[in-house]
């Protein structure tokens, strides 16, 4: 088989395509590992907060110690003060508690069904009027 210019281009495209996909995979893997590492660092720092608060250290002292140990990965001042306050008030858990309230999304089967029915009845309605009828924001209606 003779390697023509066309075949050479196809081979190059296949090589570059696989390199591109492996690059994307590598980037996603690095991002995932960094996110997991960050949550692990936050948990470590929150455990340290609890310990240091029980020792009677102030927020400023704790921040200095965290920067010394974690450097650029130390939590921000506001987060440190928030956790110090929680542990000073008697909190024992170092993880975030479950929150009640509105669900993270308004895109439920019930809302999808309502919106589709409204559009079937009158396809000339605006997104704003549909959102008002279903009581959800316009962006969610656009996605449905």
C-alpha atoms as a PDB file:
ATOM      1  CA  UNK A   1       0.000   0.000   0.000  1.00  0.00           C
ATOM      2  CA  UNK A   2       1.398   3.350  -1.028  1.00  0.00           C
ATOM      3  CA  UNK A   3       1.027   6.208   1.426  1.00  0.00           C
ATOM      4  CA  UNK A   4      -0.624   9.011  -0.482  1.00  0.00           C
ATOM      5  CA  UNK A   5      -1.094  12.548   0.710  1.00  0.00           C
ATOM      6  CA  UNK A   6      -4.805  11.878   1.361  1.00  0.00           C
ATOM      7  CA  UNK A   7      -4.061   8.802   3.490  1.00  0.00           C
ATOM      8  CA  UNK A   8      -1.347  10.728   5.308  1.00  0.00           C
ATOM      9  CA  UNK A   9      -3.875  13.468   6.171  1.00  0.00           C
ATOM     10  CA  UNK A  10      -6.331  10.865   7.467  1.00  0.00           C
ATOM     11  CA  UNK A  11      -3.654   9.268   9.647  1.00  0.00           C
ATOM     12  CA  UNK A  12      -2.651  12.680  11.013  1.00  0.00           C
ATOM     13  CA  UNK A  13      -6.279  13.559  11.767  1.00  0.00           C
ATOM     14  CA  UNK A  14      -6.737  10.274  13.616  1.00  0.00           C
ATOM     15  CA  UNK A  15      -3.584  10.868  15.651  1.00  0.00           C
ATOM     16  CA  UNK A  16      -4.458  14.476  16.461  1.00  0.00           C
ATOM     17  CA  UNK A  17      -8.052  13.511  17.241  1.00  0.00           C
ATOM     18  CA  UNK A  18      -6.992  10.866  19.726  1.00  0.00           C
ATOM     19  CA  UNK A  19      -4.433  13.246  21.275  1.00  0.00           C
ATOM     20  CA  UNK A  20      -7.127  15.923  21.576  1.00  0.00           C
ATOM     21  CA  UNK A  21      -9.564  13.524  23.265  1.00  0.00           C
ATOM     22  CA  UNK A  22      -6.890  12.205  25.608  1.00  0.00           C
ATOM     23  CA  UNK A  23      -6.030  15.835  26.447  1.00  0.00           C
ATOM     24  CA  UNK A  24      -9.657  16.575  27.309  1.00  0.00           C
ATOM     25  CA  UNK A  25      -9.822  13.411  29.419  1.00  0.00           C
ATOM     26  CA  UNK A  26      -6.637  14.413  31.225  1.00  0.00           C
ATOM     27  CA  UNK A  27      -7.967  17.938  31.914  1.00  0.00           C
ATOM     28  CA  UNK A  28     -11.258  16.576  33.270  1.00  0.00           C
ATOM     29  CA  UNK A  29      -9.413  14.093  35.445  1.00  0.00           C
ATOM     30  CA  UNK A  30      -7.140  16.818  36.830  1.00  0.00           C
ATOM     31  CA  UNK A  31     -10.171  19.026  37.523  1.00  0.00           C
ATOM     32  CA  UNK A  32     -12.027  16.181  39.277  1.00  0.00           C
ATOM     33  CA  UNK A  33      -8.995  15.319  41.414  1.00  0.00           C
ATOM     34  CA  UNK A  34      -8.487  18.986  42.298  1.00  0.00           C
ATOM     35  CA  UNK A  35     -12.140  19.322  43.345  1.00  0.00           C
ATOM     36  CA  UNK A  36     -11.941  16.192  45.488  1.00  0.00           C
ATOM     37  CA  UNK A  37      -8.657  17.398  46.994  1.00  0.00           C
ATOM     38  CA  UNK A  38     -10.190  20.806  47.753  1.00  0.00           C
ATOM     39  CA  UNK A  39     -13.138  19.327  49.627  1.00  0.00           C
ATOM     40  CA  UNK A  40     -10.710  17.113  51.533  1.00  0.00           C
ATOM     41  CA  UNK A  41      -8.621  20.193  52.423  1.00  0.00           C
ATOM     42  CA  UNK A  42     -11.754  22.059  53.552  1.00  0.00           C
ATOM     43  CA  UNK A  43     -12.716  19.160  55.806  1.00  0.00           C
ATOM     44  CA  UNK A  44      -9.212  19.070  57.272  1.00  0.00           C
ATOM     45  CA  UNK A  45      -9.292  22.798  57.921  1.00  0.00           C
ATOM     46  CA  UNK A  46     -12.735  22.642  59.520  1.00  0.00           C
ATOM     47  CA  UNK A  47     -11.496  19.896  61.825  1.00  0.00           C
ATOM     48  CA  UNK A  48      -8.563  22.149  62.711  1.00  0.00           C
ATOM     49  CA  UNK A  49     -10.982  25.030  63.424  1.00  0.00           C
ATOM     50  CA  UNK A  50     -12.865  22.924  65.898  1.00  0.00           C
ATOM     51  CA  UNK A  51      -9.658  21.898  67.662  1.00  0.00           C
ATOM     52  CA  UNK A  52      -8.236  25.424  67.753  1.00  0.00           C
ATOM     53  CA  UNK A  53     -11.504  26.969  68.964  1.00  0.00           C
ATOM     54  CA  UNK A  54     -11.548  24.468  71.835  1.00  0.00           C
ATOM     55  CA  UNK A  55      -8.012  25.626  72.663  1.00  0.00           C
ATOM     56  CA  UNK A  56      -9.327  29.194  72.861  1.00  0.00           C
ATOM     57  CA  UNK A  57      -7.579  30.596  69.772  1.00  0.00           C
ATOM     58  CA  UNK A  58      -9.028  33.688  68.095  1.00  0.00           C
ATOM     59  CA  UNK A  59     -10.081  33.923  64.470  1.00  0.00           C
ATOM     60  CA  UNK A  60      -6.977  35.933  63.535  1.00  0.00           C
ATOM     61  CA  UNK A  61      -4.677  33.408  65.200  1.00  0.00           C
ATOM     62  CA  UNK A  62      -6.410  30.565  63.385  1.00  0.00           C
ATOM     63  CA  UNK A  63      -6.084  32.336  60.022  1.00  0.00           C
ATOM     64  CA  UNK A  64      -2.351  32.861  60.575  1.00  0.00           C
ATOM     65  CA  UNK A  65      -1.890  29.191  61.430  1.00  0.00           C
ATOM     66  CA  UNK A  66      -3.903  28.031  58.414  1.00  0.00           C
ATOM     67  CA  UNK A  67      -1.912  30.215  56.031  1.00  0.00           C
ATOM     68  CA  UNK A  68       1.283  28.857  57.569  1.00  0.00           C
ATOM     69  CA  UNK A  69       0.191  25.253  57.014  1.00  0.00           C
ATOM     70  CA  UNK A  70      -1.938  25.389  53.840  1.00  0.00           C
ATOM     71  CA  UNK A  71      -0.512  28.458  52.064  1.00  0.00           C
ATOM     72  CA  UNK A  72      -2.639  29.467  49.065  1.00  0.00           C
ATOM     73  CA  UNK A  73      -5.087  26.638  49.795  1.00  0.00           C
ATOM     74  CA  UNK A  74      -6.097  28.134  53.156  1.00  0.00           C
ATOM     75  CA  UNK A  75      -9.768  29.048  53.493  1.00  0.00           C
ATOM     76  CA  UNK A  76     -10.776  32.673  53.108  1.00  0.00           C
ATOM     77  CA  UNK A  77     -11.186  34.898  56.160  1.00  0.00           C
ATOM     78  CA  UNK A  78     -14.978  35.060  56.000  1.00  0.00           C
ATOM     79  CA  UNK A  79     -15.293  31.277  55.894  1.00  0.00           C
ATOM     80  CA  UNK A  80     -12.859  30.941  58.805  1.00  0.00           C
ATOM     81  CA  UNK A  81     -14.803  33.441  60.918  1.00  0.00           C
ATOM     82  CA  UNK A  82     -18.085  31.715  60.060  1.00  0.00           C
ATOM     83  CA  UNK A  83     -16.756  28.317  61.183  1.00  0.00           C
ATOM     84  CA  UNK A  84     -15.083  29.777  64.286  1.00  0.00           C
ATOM     85  CA  UNK A  85     -18.419  31.322  65.265  1.00  0.00           C
ATOM     86  CA  UNK A  86     -20.228  28.013  64.743  1.00  0.00           C
ATOM     87  CA  UNK A  87     -17.759  26.073  66.888  1.00  0.00           C
ATOM     88  CA  UNK A  88     -17.738  28.813  69.540  1.00  0.00           C
ATOM     89  CA  UNK A  89     -21.516  28.466  69.798  1.00  0.00           C
ATOM     90  CA  UNK A  90     -21.159  24.751  70.535  1.00  0.00           C
ATOM     91  CA  UNK A  91     -21.361  23.095  67.168  1.00  0.00           C
ATOM     92  CA  UNK A  92     -19.699  19.667  67.054  1.00  0.00           C
ATOM     93  CA  UNK A  93     -20.072  18.549  63.419  1.00  0.00           C
ATOM     94  CA  UNK A  94     -17.330  19.588  60.999  1.00  0.00           C
ATOM     95  CA  UNK A  95     -19.423  18.928  57.879  1.00  0.00           C
ATOM     96  CA  UNK A  96     -22.149  21.113  56.408  1.00  0.00           C
ATOM     97  CA  UNK A  97     -25.641  20.228  57.565  1.00  0.00           C
ATOM     98  CA  UNK A  98     -28.555  19.420  55.279  1.00  0.00           C
ATOM     99  CA  UNK A  99     -30.520  22.488  54.297  1.00  0.00           C
ATOM    100  CA  UNK A 100     -34.239  22.743  53.929  1.00  0.00           C
ATOM    101  CA  UNK A 101     -35.934  24.976  51.455  1.00  0.00           C
ATOM    102  CA  UNK A 102     -36.458  25.248  47.772  1.00  0.00           C
ATOM    103  CA  UNK A 103     -35.019  22.469  45.623  1.00  0.00           C
ATOM    104  CA  UNK A 104     -31.954  23.296  43.554  1.00  0.00           C
ATOM    105  CA  UNK A 105     -33.978  23.199  40.347  1.00  0.00           C
ATOM    106  CA  UNK A 106     -37.490  24.032  39.223  1.00  0.00           C
ATOM    107  CA  UNK A 107     -37.305  21.581  36.350  1.00  0.00           C
ATOM    108  CA  UNK A 108     -39.603  18.862  37.594  1.00  0.00           C
ATOM    109  CA  UNK A 109     -41.805  16.494  35.622  1.00  0.00           C
ATOM    110  CA  UNK A 110     -44.840  18.374  36.906  1.00  0.00           C
ATOM    111  CA  UNK A 111     -43.544  21.736  35.624  1.00  0.00           C
ATOM    112  CA  UNK A 112     -42.506  20.251  32.270  1.00  0.00           C
ATOM    113  CA  UNK A 113     -45.997  18.800  31.833  1.00  0.00           C
ATOM    114  CA  UNK A 114     -47.648  22.116  32.779  1.00  0.00           C
ATOM    115  CA  UNK A 115     -45.492  24.115  30.372  1.00  0.00           C
ATOM    116  CA  UNK A 116     -46.086  21.727  27.486  1.00  0.00           C
ATOM    117  CA  UNK A 117     -49.834  21.874  28.095  1.00  0.00           C
ATOM    118  CA  UNK A 118     -49.792  25.691  28.184  1.00  0.00           C
ATOM    119  CA  UNK A 119     -47.819  25.845  24.919  1.00  0.00           C
ATOM    120  CA  UNK A 120     -50.184  23.347  23.238  1.00  0.00           C
ATOM    121  CA  UNK A 121     -53.139  25.511  24.200  1.00  0.00           C
ATOM    122  CA  UNK A 122     -51.571  28.770  23.014  1.00  0.00           C
ATOM    123  CA  UNK A 123     -48.199  28.738  21.255  1.00  0.00           C
ATOM    124  CA  UNK A 124     -48.149  32.542  20.977  1.00  0.00           C
ATOM    125  CA  UNK A 125     -47.508  33.151  24.689  1.00  0.00           C
ATOM    126  CA  UNK A 126     -44.287  34.779  25.807  1.00  0.00           C
ATOM    127  CA  UNK A 127     -41.765  33.032  28.006  1.00  0.00           C
ATOM    128  CA  UNK A 128     -42.493  35.584  30.728  1.00  0.00           C
ATOM    129  CA  UNK A 129     -46.220  34.815  30.777  1.00  0.00           C
ATOM    130  CA  UNK A 130     -45.569  31.067  30.874  1.00  0.00           C
ATOM    131  CA  UNK A 131     -43.103  31.527  33.733  1.00  0.00           C
ATOM    132  CA  UNK A 132     -45.659  33.575  35.663  1.00  0.00           C
ATOM    133  CA  UNK A 133     -48.362  30.929  35.172  1.00  0.00           C
ATOM    134  CA  UNK A 134     -46.127  28.095  36.382  1.00  0.00           C
ATOM    135  CA  UNK A 135     -44.412  30.232  39.081  1.00  0.00           C
ATOM    136  CA  UNK A 136     -40.843  29.551  38.002  1.00  0.00           C
ATOM    137  CA  UNK A 137     -38.109  31.744  36.505  1.00  0.00           C
ATOM    138  CA  UNK A 138     -37.832  32.489  32.786  1.00  0.00           C
ATOM    139  CA  UNK A 139     -34.484  30.743  32.337  1.00  0.00           C
ATOM    140  CA  UNK A 140     -35.942  27.434  33.482  1.00  0.00           C
ATOM    141  CA  UNK A 141     -38.858  27.819  31.081  1.00  0.00           C
ATOM    142  CA  UNK A 142     -36.413  28.478  28.225  1.00  0.00           C
ATOM    143  CA  UNK A 143     -34.530  25.249  29.008  1.00  0.00           C
ATOM    144  CA  UNK A 144     -37.718  23.199  28.965  1.00  0.00           C
END
